[in-house]
Protein backbone atom coordinates (compact mmCIF):
# COMPACT_ATOMS: atom_id res chain seq x y z
CA MET A 1 -50.63 -12.58 37.88
CA GLY A 2 -50.58 -13.58 34.23
CA GLY A 3 -47.35 -14.07 32.38
CA MET A 4 -46.31 -12.20 29.29
CA SER A 5 -46.85 -14.00 26.00
CA PRO A 6 -43.74 -14.33 23.88
CA ILE A 7 -43.55 -12.82 20.42
CA PHE A 8 -41.17 -14.29 17.88
CA ARG A 9 -39.70 -12.41 14.92
CA ARG A 10 -37.06 -13.09 12.33
CA SER A 11 -34.01 -10.85 12.32
CA GLY A 12 -30.86 -11.34 10.32
CA GLY A 13 -31.56 -15.02 9.71
CA ARG A 14 -32.17 -15.91 13.36
CA THR A 15 -35.30 -16.11 15.48
CA GLU A 16 -35.46 -13.76 18.45
CA LYS A 17 -37.82 -14.07 21.38
CA ARG A 18 -39.09 -10.91 23.05
CA THR A 19 -41.96 -10.13 25.37
CA GLU A 20 -44.81 -7.72 24.93
CA LYS A 21 -44.07 -4.25 26.20
CA LYS A 22 -45.91 -3.33 29.39
CA GLU A 23 -46.73 0.14 30.58
CA PRO A 24 -44.99 1.13 33.86
CA ARG A 25 -48.36 1.11 35.70
CA GLU A 26 -48.69 -2.57 34.74
CA ARG A 27 -45.31 -3.50 36.24
CA LEU A 28 -44.68 -4.86 39.73
CA VAL A 29 -41.42 -4.34 41.58
CA THR A 30 -40.72 -6.65 44.51
CA LEU A 31 -38.09 -5.74 47.10
CA ILE A 32 -36.86 -8.73 49.08
CA GLY A 33 -34.95 -7.96 52.26
CA LYS A 34 -35.03 -8.19 56.02
CA PRO A 35 -35.39 -5.84 58.99
CA GLY A 36 -32.22 -4.11 60.20
CA CYS A 37 -30.50 -4.30 56.82
CA HIS A 38 -29.12 -0.89 55.84
CA LEU A 39 -28.71 -1.92 52.19
CA CYS A 40 -32.38 -2.94 52.20
CA ASP A 41 -33.35 0.49 53.54
CA ASP A 42 -31.27 2.15 50.81
CA ALA A 43 -32.85 -0.09 48.16
CA GLN A 44 -36.33 0.72 49.43
CA SER A 45 -35.68 4.43 49.06
CA VAL A 46 -34.68 3.95 45.41
CA VAL A 47 -37.59 1.59 44.65
CA GLU A 48 -40.13 3.95 46.26
CA LYS A 49 -38.77 6.96 44.37
CA VAL A 50 -38.59 5.33 40.93
CA CYS A 51 -41.95 3.57 41.23
CA ALA A 52 -43.63 6.82 42.29
CA GLU A 53 -42.08 8.64 39.32
CA VAL A 54 -43.10 6.09 36.69
CA GLY A 55 -46.36 4.89 38.24
CA ALA A 56 -45.31 1.29 38.87
CA SER A 57 -46.53 -0.74 41.84
CA TRP A 58 -44.13 -2.17 44.36
CA GLU A 59 -44.20 -4.54 47.31
CA LYS A 60 -41.82 -5.53 50.05
CA LYS A 61 -41.15 -9.11 51.18
CA ASP A 62 -39.25 -10.17 54.30
CA ILE A 63 -36.99 -13.22 53.96
CA THR A 64 -37.30 -13.87 57.69
CA GLU A 65 -41.00 -14.61 57.15
CA ASP A 66 -40.71 -16.79 54.04
CA GLU A 67 -38.49 -19.89 54.03
CA GLU A 68 -38.49 -20.20 50.23
CA LEU A 69 -37.34 -16.60 49.77
CA HIS A 70 -34.75 -17.10 52.51
CA ARG A 71 -33.27 -20.14 50.76
CA ALA A 72 -33.25 -18.43 47.38
CA TYR A 73 -31.93 -14.98 48.30
CA TRP A 74 -30.36 -14.82 51.79
CA GLU A 75 -26.85 -14.16 50.43
CA GLN A 76 -28.01 -11.52 47.96
CA ILE A 77 -30.37 -9.22 49.87
CA PRO A 78 -31.65 -6.80 49.07
CA VAL A 79 -32.97 -8.33 45.86
CA VAL A 80 -35.21 -6.49 43.42
CA LEU A 81 -37.53 -8.39 41.11
CA VAL A 82 -39.43 -6.79 38.24
CA ASP A 83 -42.53 -8.75 37.28
CA GLY A 84 -41.14 -11.76 39.14
CA GLU A 85 -37.76 -11.77 37.38
CA GLN A 86 -34.58 -10.84 39.24
CA HIS A 87 -33.48 -7.35 38.24
CA THR A 88 -30.61 -6.73 40.68
CA PHE A 89 -29.26 -7.39 44.16
CA TRP A 90 -27.25 -5.59 46.86
CA ARG A 91 -27.37 -2.10 45.33
CA VAL A 92 -30.18 -0.69 43.19
CA ASP A 93 -29.17 1.60 40.35
CA GLU A 94 -31.92 4.21 40.05
CA ASP A 95 -31.40 4.87 36.34
CA ARG A 96 -31.23 1.18 35.44
CA LEU A 97 -34.47 0.45 37.31
CA ARG A 98 -36.17 3.42 35.64
CA ARG A 99 -35.09 2.17 32.20
CA GLU A 100 -36.33 -1.35 32.98
CA LEU A 101 -39.73 -0.08 34.04
CA ALA A 102 -40.03 2.20 31.00
CA GLY A 103 -39.61 -0.85 28.77
């Protein structure tokens, strides 16, 4: 998956970096969790609902099947990434995720 190219602009005498805006259908939400985790089940419900509403894609990854994910996130699950960047962990705020995906 290609990365977003940065755009620089001047504002108030300082340079700001921002990324190109993506449409929700171009976004990918990744839910990282494990089986038997009630917080992961709750997070999945929110991710499924919001992604269906805005048209974003989502995927689920199991830390028990991926050593790298386990090392990185085992104390934080469930973890939600948006386009590969950590968005939240433990509890997913529906409105915050919706705003993030809307750009």
